[in-house]
Amino acid sequence: MNGVAPMVVWMQSLSDPTRVRLLRLLEKSELSVAEMCTTLQMPQSTVSRHLKMLADDGWATARREGASNWYRMTTNDLPVAQKKLWSVARGHCVPDSTAEQDDARLEQVLDSRHSKSQ
């Protein structure tokens, strides 16, 4: 982290509403990049750029499966201070209406995934 206090790096990670929206999704479910693009209604390049920062700063982990990258939030592995910061950011950095829309689209994406697997 190049001599910068971890808290500063974590706050920088959460300074963009898109990254907070991504983490809200990844806290709920492991998702592919395509699923996050659909849920947030953003292009793949934008989502991937933000995911790289979240992964680099320890908020998320990725795994490759076939042609897809799957991400999840590293909730259990976060230091206590980082968890506290996330608790504040989750509740205060995304407007309620945006969070509700994201949650509704996420539910549709997960339902679609479930239907395809059957």
C-alpha atoms as a PDB file:
ATOM      1  CA  MET A   1       0.000   0.000   0.000  1.00  0.00           C
ATOM      2  CA  ASN A   2       3.055   2.196  -0.491  1.00  0.00           C
ATOM      3  CA  GLY A   3       3.170   3.749   2.965  1.00  0.00           C
ATOM      4  CA  VAL A   4      -0.464   4.876   2.839  1.00  0.00           C
ATOM      5  CA  ALA A   5      -2.541   3.875   5.837  1.00  0.00           C
ATOM      6  CA  PRO A   6      -4.895   0.974   5.018  1.00  0.00           C
ATOM      7  CA  MET A   7      -7.927   3.029   6.089  1.00  0.00           C
ATOM      8  CA  VAL A   8      -7.102   5.693   3.491  1.00  0.00           C
ATOM      9  CA  VAL A   9      -6.853   3.056   0.755  1.00  0.00           C
ATOM     10  CA  TRP A  10     -10.168   1.509   1.835  1.00  0.00           C
ATOM     11  CA  MET A  11     -11.874   4.914   1.864  1.00  0.00           C
ATOM     12  CA  GLN A  12     -10.542   5.609  -1.628  1.00  0.00           C
ATOM     13  CA  SER A  13     -11.998   2.281  -2.764  1.00  0.00           C
ATOM     14  CA  LEU A  14     -15.397   3.263  -1.437  1.00  0.00           C
ATOM     15  CA  SER A  15     -15.257   6.835  -2.723  1.00  0.00           C
ATOM     16  CA  ASP A  16     -16.987   5.885  -5.968  1.00  0.00           C
ATOM     17  CA  PRO A  17     -20.699   4.982  -5.812  1.00  0.00           C
ATOM     18  CA  THR A  18     -20.243   2.344  -8.525  1.00  0.00           C
ATOM     19  CA  ARG A  19     -17.798   0.417  -6.350  1.00  0.00           C
ATOM     20  CA  VAL A  20     -20.161   0.597  -3.386  1.00  0.00           C
ATOM     21  CA  ARG A  21     -22.994  -0.660  -5.592  1.00  0.00           C
ATOM     22  CA  LEU A  22     -20.784  -3.534  -6.769  1.00  0.00           C
ATOM     23  CA  LEU A  23     -19.862  -4.482  -3.225  1.00  0.00           C
ATOM     24  CA  ARG A  24     -23.524  -4.439  -2.164  1.00  0.00           C
ATOM     25  CA  LEU A  25     -24.160  -7.045  -4.873  1.00  0.00           C
ATOM     26  CA  LEU A  26     -21.081  -9.104  -4.092  1.00  0.00           C
ATOM     27  CA  GLU A  27     -21.970  -9.172  -0.415  1.00  0.00           C
ATOM     28  CA  LYS A  28     -25.210 -10.929  -1.356  1.00  0.00           C
ATOM     29  CA  SER A  29     -23.961 -13.382  -3.977  1.00  0.00           C
ATOM     30  CA  GLU A  30     -21.006 -14.509  -6.039  1.00  0.00           C
ATOM     31  CA  LEU A  31     -21.563 -13.022  -9.493  1.00  0.00           C
ATOM     32  CA  SER A  32     -20.050 -13.111 -12.943  1.00  0.00           C
ATOM     33  CA  VAL A  33     -18.983  -9.893 -14.601  1.00  0.00           C
ATOM     34  CA  ALA A  34     -21.850 -10.272 -17.085  1.00  0.00           C
ATOM     35  CA  GLU A  35     -24.365 -10.605 -14.234  1.00  0.00           C
ATOM     36  CA  MET A  36     -23.029  -7.465 -12.583  1.00  0.00           C
ATOM     37  CA  CYS A  37     -23.224  -5.579 -15.894  1.00  0.00           C
ATOM     38  CA  THR A  38     -26.854  -6.606 -16.265  1.00  0.00           C
ATOM     39  CA  THR A  39     -27.716  -5.740 -12.680  1.00  0.00           C
ATOM     40  CA  LEU A  40     -26.029  -2.328 -12.672  1.00  0.00           C
ATOM     41  CA  GLN A  41     -26.853  -1.620 -16.326  1.00  0.00           C
ATOM     42  CA  MET A  42     -23.253  -0.659 -17.049  1.00  0.00           C
ATOM     43  CA  PRO A  43     -20.774  -1.707 -19.741  1.00  0.00           C
ATOM     44  CA  GLN A  44     -18.316  -4.509 -19.083  1.00  0.00           C
ATOM     45  CA  SER A  45     -15.303  -2.194 -19.289  1.00  0.00           C
ATOM     46  CA  THR A  46     -16.664   0.021 -16.490  1.00  0.00           C
ATOM     47  CA  VAL A  47     -17.560  -2.891 -14.237  1.00  0.00           C
ATOM     48  CA  SER A  48     -14.224  -4.630 -14.817  1.00  0.00           C
ATOM     49  CA  ARG A  49     -12.233  -1.461 -14.069  1.00  0.00           C
ATOM     50  CA  HIS A  50     -14.013  -1.011 -10.727  1.00  0.00           C
ATOM     51  CA  LEU A  51     -13.741  -4.715  -9.873  1.00  0.00           C
ATOM     52  CA  LYS A  52      -9.977  -4.582 -10.404  1.00  0.00           C
ATOM     53  CA  MET A  53      -9.650  -1.803  -7.833  1.00  0.00           C
ATOM     54  CA  LEU A  54     -11.889  -3.637  -5.355  1.00  0.00           C
ATOM     55  CA  ALA A  55      -9.851  -6.812  -5.766  1.00  0.00           C
ATOM     56  CA  ASP A  56      -6.522  -4.952  -5.538  1.00  0.00           C
ATOM     57  CA  ASP A  57      -7.653  -3.274  -2.296  1.00  0.00           C
ATOM     58  CA  GLY A  58      -8.836  -6.520  -0.694  1.00  0.00           C
ATOM     59  CA  TRP A  59     -12.605  -5.998  -0.915  1.00  0.00           C
ATOM     60  CA  ALA A  60     -13.306  -8.771  -3.420  1.00  0.00           C
ATOM     61  CA  THR A  61     -11.802 -11.974  -4.771  1.00  0.00           C
ATOM     62  CA  ALA A  62     -12.123 -13.485  -8.212  1.00  0.00           C
ATOM     63  CA  ARG A  63     -12.057 -16.967  -9.614  1.00  0.00           C
ATOM     64  CA  ARG A  64     -12.087 -18.100 -13.211  1.00  0.00           C
ATOM     65  CA  GLU A  65     -14.609 -20.652 -14.436  1.00  0.00           C
ATOM     66  CA  GLY A  66     -14.501 -21.358 -18.149  1.00  0.00           C
ATOM     67  CA  ALA A  67     -14.720 -18.040 -19.979  1.00  0.00           C
ATOM     68  CA  SER A  68     -16.194 -16.189 -16.984  1.00  0.00           C
ATOM     69  CA  ASN A  69     -14.687 -14.443 -14.000  1.00  0.00           C
ATOM     70  CA  TRP A  70     -16.725 -14.798 -10.819  1.00  0.00           C
ATOM     71  CA  TYR A  71     -16.385 -12.339  -7.952  1.00  0.00           C
ATOM     72  CA  ARG A  72     -17.428 -12.305  -4.332  1.00  0.00           C
ATOM     73  CA  MET A  73     -16.876  -9.949  -1.447  1.00  0.00           C
ATOM     74  CA  THR A  74     -14.233 -11.087   1.019  1.00  0.00           C
ATOM     75  CA  THR A  75     -16.576 -10.384   3.936  1.00  0.00           C
ATOM     76  CA  ASN A  76     -15.190 -12.937   6.397  1.00  0.00           C
ATOM     77  CA  ASP A  77     -11.570 -12.088   5.645  1.00  0.00           C
ATOM     78  CA  LEU A  78     -11.794  -8.318   6.176  1.00  0.00           C
ATOM     79  CA  PRO A  79     -10.032  -6.719   9.151  1.00  0.00           C
ATOM     80  CA  VAL A  80     -12.397  -5.348  11.810  1.00  0.00           C
ATOM     81  CA  ALA A  81     -11.745  -1.711  10.842  1.00  0.00           C
ATOM     82  CA  GLN A  82     -12.484  -2.469   7.178  1.00  0.00           C
ATOM     83  CA  LYS A  83     -15.739  -4.220   8.156  1.00  0.00           C
ATOM     84  CA  LYS A  84     -16.767  -1.166  10.187  1.00  0.00           C
ATOM     85  CA  LEU A  85     -16.040   1.146   7.267  1.00  0.00           C
ATOM     86  CA  TRP A  86     -18.072  -1.089   4.968  1.00  0.00           C
ATOM     87  CA  SER A  87     -20.970  -1.034   7.418  1.00  0.00           C
ATOM     88  CA  VAL A  88     -21.062   2.756   7.224  1.00  0.00           C
ATOM     89  CA  ALA A  89     -20.582   2.926   3.443  1.00  0.00           C
ATOM     90  CA  ARG A  90     -23.230   0.290   2.713  1.00  0.00           C
ATOM     91  CA  GLY A  91     -25.869   2.265   4.545  1.00  0.00           C
ATOM     92  CA  HIS A  92     -24.970   5.774   3.450  1.00  0.00           C
ATOM     93  CA  CYS A  93     -23.263   5.877   0.042  1.00  0.00           C
ATOM     94  CA  VAL A  94     -25.982   4.669  -2.328  1.00  0.00           C
ATOM     95  CA  PRO A  95     -29.402   6.326  -2.565  1.00  0.00           C
ATOM     96  CA  ASP A  96     -32.211   4.063  -1.374  1.00  0.00           C
ATOM     97  CA  SER A  97     -33.942   4.193  -4.755  1.00  0.00           C
ATOM     98  CA  THR A  98     -30.773   3.050  -6.550  1.00  0.00           C
ATOM     99  CA  ALA A  99     -30.210   0.261  -4.016  1.00  0.00           C
ATOM    100  CA  GLU A 100     -33.803  -0.929  -4.434  1.00  0.00           C
ATOM    101  CA  GLN A 101     -33.473  -0.971  -8.235  1.00  0.00           C
ATOM    102  CA  ASP A 102     -30.161  -2.850  -8.011  1.00  0.00           C
ATOM    103  CA  ASP A 103     -31.702  -5.379  -5.612  1.00  0.00           C
ATOM    104  CA  ALA A 104     -34.698  -5.958  -7.915  1.00  0.00           C
ATOM    105  CA  ARG A 105     -32.459  -6.477 -10.962  1.00  0.00           C
ATOM    106  CA  LEU A 106     -30.152  -8.756  -8.942  1.00  0.00           C
ATOM    107  CA  GLU A 107     -33.125 -10.898  -7.991  1.00  0.00           C
ATOM    108  CA  GLN A 108     -34.067 -11.184 -11.683  1.00  0.00           C
ATOM    109  CA  VAL A 109     -30.482 -12.117 -12.622  1.00  0.00           C
ATOM    110  CA  LEU A 110     -30.327 -14.800  -9.928  1.00  0.00           C
ATOM    111  CA  ASP A 111     -33.760 -16.154 -10.917  1.00  0.00           C
ATOM    112  CA  SER A 112     -32.583 -16.333 -14.519  1.00  0.00           C
ATOM    113  CA  ARG A 113     -29.423 -18.176 -13.463  1.00  0.00           C
ATOM    114  CA  HIS A 114     -31.488 -20.637 -11.454  1.00  0.00           C
ATOM    115  CA  SER A 115     -33.858 -21.228 -14.410  1.00  0.00           C
ATOM    116  CA  LYS A 116     -30.948 -21.864 -16.781  1.00  0.00           C
ATOM    117  CA  SER A 117     -29.408 -24.419 -14.430  1.00  0.00           C
ATOM    118  CA  GLN A 118     -32.559 -26.522 -14.328  1.00  0.00           C
END
